[in-house]
């Protein structure tokens, strides 16, 4: 990687090789959703540990749930409608992006409704 950060770029490359093993991790949605911030320590060991936590403690347990797998299989069968859903993990990634986007929109709407704080 040209930068000192490996987590984001490497996870995006790996997500295409074994798509049911690794998903693309990004600062803006994945890290913010799971950890409340987008901070990455530029340290290879730290970054691999963070990736392990993201996969092992959040995404893979959800991906193994019977109800999720059944719905995800339906989505995957309709690639013409859900073209960004290319694997079970990518579906979860897209759901996180959607939830984080909705959360941000709700916060912005609430801020506009209440006006600037004195």
C-alpha atoms as a PDB file:
ATOM      1  CA  UNK A   1       0.000   0.000   0.000  1.00  0.00           C
ATOM      2  CA  UNK A   2       1.217   3.504  -0.751  1.00  0.00           C
ATOM      3  CA  UNK A   3      -0.072   4.721   2.614  1.00  0.00           C
ATOM      4  CA  UNK A   4       0.818   3.276   5.989  1.00  0.00           C
ATOM      5  CA  UNK A   5      -2.725   1.891   6.307  1.00  0.00           C
ATOM      6  CA  UNK A   6      -3.271  -1.676   5.096  1.00  0.00           C
ATOM      7  CA  UNK A   7      -6.662  -2.592   6.564  1.00  0.00           C
ATOM      8  CA  UNK A   8      -8.970  -0.844   4.102  1.00  0.00           C
ATOM      9  CA  UNK A   9      -7.174  -1.556   0.821  1.00  0.00           C
ATOM     10  CA  UNK A  10      -6.204  -5.118   1.643  1.00  0.00           C
ATOM     11  CA  UNK A  11      -9.695  -6.028   2.857  1.00  0.00           C
ATOM     12  CA  UNK A  12     -11.157  -4.695  -0.402  1.00  0.00           C
ATOM     13  CA  UNK A  13      -8.768  -6.817  -2.467  1.00  0.00           C
ATOM     14  CA  UNK A  14      -9.343  -9.902  -0.309  1.00  0.00           C
ATOM     15  CA  UNK A  15     -13.121  -9.460  -0.552  1.00  0.00           C
ATOM     16  CA  UNK A  16     -12.913 -10.336  -4.263  1.00  0.00           C
ATOM     17  CA  UNK A  17     -10.782 -13.445  -3.788  1.00  0.00           C
ATOM     18  CA  UNK A  18     -12.682 -15.335  -1.064  1.00  0.00           C
ATOM     19  CA  UNK A  19     -15.942 -13.290  -0.954  1.00  0.00           C
ATOM     20  CA  UNK A  20     -17.528 -15.499   1.694  1.00  0.00           C
ATOM     21  CA  UNK A  21     -14.502 -15.161   3.962  1.00  0.00           C
ATOM     22  CA  UNK A  22     -13.581 -11.462   3.878  1.00  0.00           C
ATOM     23  CA  UNK A  23     -15.650  -8.366   3.233  1.00  0.00           C
ATOM     24  CA  UNK A  24     -14.431  -4.894   2.294  1.00  0.00           C
ATOM     25  CA  UNK A  25     -13.847  -2.837   5.440  1.00  0.00           C
ATOM     26  CA  UNK A  26     -13.952   0.916   5.144  1.00  0.00           C
ATOM     27  CA  UNK A  27     -13.464   3.774   7.556  1.00  0.00           C
ATOM     28  CA  UNK A  28     -16.596   5.678   6.655  1.00  0.00           C
ATOM     29  CA  UNK A  29     -19.182   2.981   7.291  1.00  0.00           C
ATOM     30  CA  UNK A  30     -17.788  -0.263   8.739  1.00  0.00           C
ATOM     31  CA  UNK A  31     -15.420   1.166  11.337  1.00  0.00           C
ATOM     32  CA  UNK A  32     -17.762   4.014  12.266  1.00  0.00           C
ATOM     33  CA  UNK A  33     -20.712   1.613  12.650  1.00  0.00           C
ATOM     34  CA  UNK A  34     -18.829  -0.964  14.708  1.00  0.00           C
ATOM     35  CA  UNK A  35     -16.436   1.189  16.731  1.00  0.00           C
ATOM     36  CA  UNK A  36     -17.952   4.664  16.673  1.00  0.00           C
ATOM     37  CA  UNK A  37     -14.995   6.220  14.861  1.00  0.00           C
ATOM     38  CA  UNK A  38     -12.908   5.793  11.736  1.00  0.00           C
ATOM     39  CA  UNK A  39      -9.506   5.792  13.404  1.00  0.00           C
ATOM     40  CA  UNK A  40      -6.922   3.302  12.164  1.00  0.00           C
ATOM     41  CA  UNK A  41      -3.570   2.770  13.786  1.00  0.00           C
ATOM     42  CA  UNK A  42      -0.993   2.313  11.028  1.00  0.00           C
ATOM     43  CA  UNK A  43       0.423  -0.891  12.417  1.00  0.00           C
ATOM     44  CA  UNK A  44       0.074  -4.140  10.495  1.00  0.00           C
ATOM     45  CA  UNK A  45      -0.507  -6.307  13.579  1.00  0.00           C
ATOM     46  CA  UNK A  46      -3.131  -3.888  14.938  1.00  0.00           C
ATOM     47  CA  UNK A  47      -4.889  -3.748  11.556  1.00  0.00           C
ATOM     48  CA  UNK A  48      -5.044  -7.537  11.150  1.00  0.00           C
ATOM     49  CA  UNK A  49      -6.404  -7.825  14.696  1.00  0.00           C
ATOM     50  CA  UNK A  50      -9.065  -5.213  13.878  1.00  0.00           C
ATOM     51  CA  UNK A  51      -9.995  -7.147  10.727  1.00  0.00           C
ATOM     52  CA  UNK A  52     -10.204 -10.359  12.752  1.00  0.00           C
ATOM     53  CA  UNK A  53     -12.545  -8.697  15.254  1.00  0.00           C
ATOM     54  CA  UNK A  54     -14.740  -7.278  12.508  1.00  0.00           C
ATOM     55  CA  UNK A  55     -15.056 -10.665  10.818  1.00  0.00           C
ATOM     56  CA  UNK A  56     -15.063 -13.060  13.778  1.00  0.00           C
ATOM     57  CA  UNK A  57     -17.091 -11.066  16.283  1.00  0.00           C
ATOM     58  CA  UNK A  58     -19.635  -9.370  14.039  1.00  0.00           C
ATOM     59  CA  UNK A  59     -19.992 -10.320  10.392  1.00  0.00           C
ATOM     60  CA  UNK A  60     -19.442 -14.090  10.419  1.00  0.00           C
ATOM     61  CA  UNK A  61     -21.840 -14.772  13.322  1.00  0.00           C
ATOM     62  CA  UNK A  62     -24.548 -12.811  11.494  1.00  0.00           C
ATOM     63  CA  UNK A  63     -23.757 -14.517   8.179  1.00  0.00           C
ATOM     64  CA  UNK A  64     -24.208 -17.932   9.809  1.00  0.00           C
ATOM     65  CA  UNK A  65     -27.704 -17.184  11.120  1.00  0.00           C
ATOM     66  CA  UNK A  66     -30.247 -19.416   9.405  1.00  0.00           C
ATOM     67  CA  UNK A  67     -32.799 -16.663   8.842  1.00  0.00           C
ATOM     68  CA  UNK A  68     -30.196 -14.335   7.360  1.00  0.00           C
ATOM     69  CA  UNK A  69     -28.767 -17.035   5.077  1.00  0.00           C
ATOM     70  CA  UNK A  70     -32.221 -17.869   3.734  1.00  0.00           C
ATOM     71  CA  UNK A  71     -32.993 -14.228   2.916  1.00  0.00           C
ATOM     72  CA  UNK A  72     -29.494 -13.647   1.535  1.00  0.00           C
ATOM     73  CA  UNK A  73     -29.850 -16.649  -0.765  1.00  0.00           C
ATOM     74  CA  UNK A  74     -33.057 -15.088  -2.116  1.00  0.00           C
ATOM     75  CA  UNK A  75     -31.243 -11.785  -2.709  1.00  0.00           C
ATOM     76  CA  UNK A  76     -28.329 -13.519  -4.413  1.00  0.00           C
ATOM     77  CA  UNK A  77     -30.740 -15.289  -6.749  1.00  0.00           C
ATOM     78  CA  UNK A  78     -32.005 -11.882  -7.946  1.00  0.00           C
ATOM     79  CA  UNK A  79     -28.733 -10.381  -9.129  1.00  0.00           C
ATOM     80  CA  UNK A  80     -30.517  -8.200 -11.660  1.00  0.00           C
ATOM     81  CA  UNK A  81     -32.335  -6.402  -8.789  1.00  0.00           C
ATOM     82  CA  UNK A  82     -29.579  -6.523  -6.174  1.00  0.00           C
ATOM     83  CA  UNK A  83     -26.424  -6.155  -8.247  1.00  0.00           C
ATOM     84  CA  UNK A  84     -24.276  -4.928  -5.327  1.00  0.00           C
ATOM     85  CA  UNK A  85     -25.096  -8.023  -3.260  1.00  0.00           C
ATOM     86  CA  UNK A  86     -22.441 -10.438  -4.514  1.00  0.00           C
ATOM     87  CA  UNK A  87     -21.982 -12.636  -1.417  1.00  0.00           C
ATOM     88  CA  UNK A  88     -23.463 -13.120   2.043  1.00  0.00           C
ATOM     89  CA  UNK A  89     -20.784 -10.898   3.566  1.00  0.00           C
ATOM     90  CA  UNK A  90     -21.252  -8.182   0.953  1.00  0.00           C
ATOM     91  CA  UNK A  91     -24.978  -8.161   1.711  1.00  0.00           C
ATOM     92  CA  UNK A  92     -24.147  -7.541   5.366  1.00  0.00           C
ATOM     93  CA  UNK A  93     -21.673  -4.849   4.362  1.00  0.00           C
ATOM     94  CA  UNK A  94     -24.367  -3.157   2.254  1.00  0.00           C
ATOM     95  CA  UNK A  95     -26.804  -3.367   5.181  1.00  0.00           C
ATOM     96  CA  UNK A  96     -24.248  -1.666   7.442  1.00  0.00           C
ATOM     97  CA  UNK A  97     -23.776   1.073   4.834  1.00  0.00           C
ATOM     98  CA  UNK A  98     -27.548   1.524   4.649  1.00  0.00           C
ATOM     99  CA  UNK A  99     -27.978   1.640   8.432  1.00  0.00           C
ATOM    100  CA  UNK A 100     -25.121   4.089   8.856  1.00  0.00           C
ATOM    101  CA  UNK A 101     -26.511   6.285   6.061  1.00  0.00           C
ATOM    102  CA  UNK A 102     -29.990   6.271   7.625  1.00  0.00           C
ATOM    103  CA  UNK A 103     -28.528   7.094  11.030  1.00  0.00           C
ATOM    104  CA  UNK A 104     -26.626  10.061   9.608  1.00  0.00           C
ATOM    105  CA  UNK A 105     -29.684  11.310   7.735  1.00  0.00           C
ATOM    106  CA  UNK A 106     -31.791  11.084  10.897  1.00  0.00           C
ATOM    107  CA  UNK A 107     -29.171  13.024  12.886  1.00  0.00           C
ATOM    108  CA  UNK A 108     -29.000  15.709  10.190  1.00  0.00           C
ATOM    109  CA  UNK A 109     -32.803  15.995  10.065  1.00  0.00           C
ATOM    110  CA  UNK A 110     -32.978  16.276  13.864  1.00  0.00           C
ATOM    111  CA  UNK A 111     -30.287  18.946  13.850  1.00  0.00           C
ATOM    112  CA  UNK A 112     -32.172  20.954  11.217  1.00  0.00           C
ATOM    113  CA  UNK A 113     -35.444  20.590  13.120  1.00  0.00           C
ATOM    114  CA  UNK A 114     -33.986  21.854  16.399  1.00  0.00           C
ATOM    115  CA  UNK A 115     -31.874  24.586  14.827  1.00  0.00           C
ATOM    116  CA  UNK A 116     -28.489  25.732  16.061  1.00  0.00           C
ATOM    117  CA  UNK A 117     -27.814  25.280  19.744  1.00  0.00           C
ATOM    118  CA  UNK A 118     -27.243  28.435  21.772  1.00  0.00           C
END
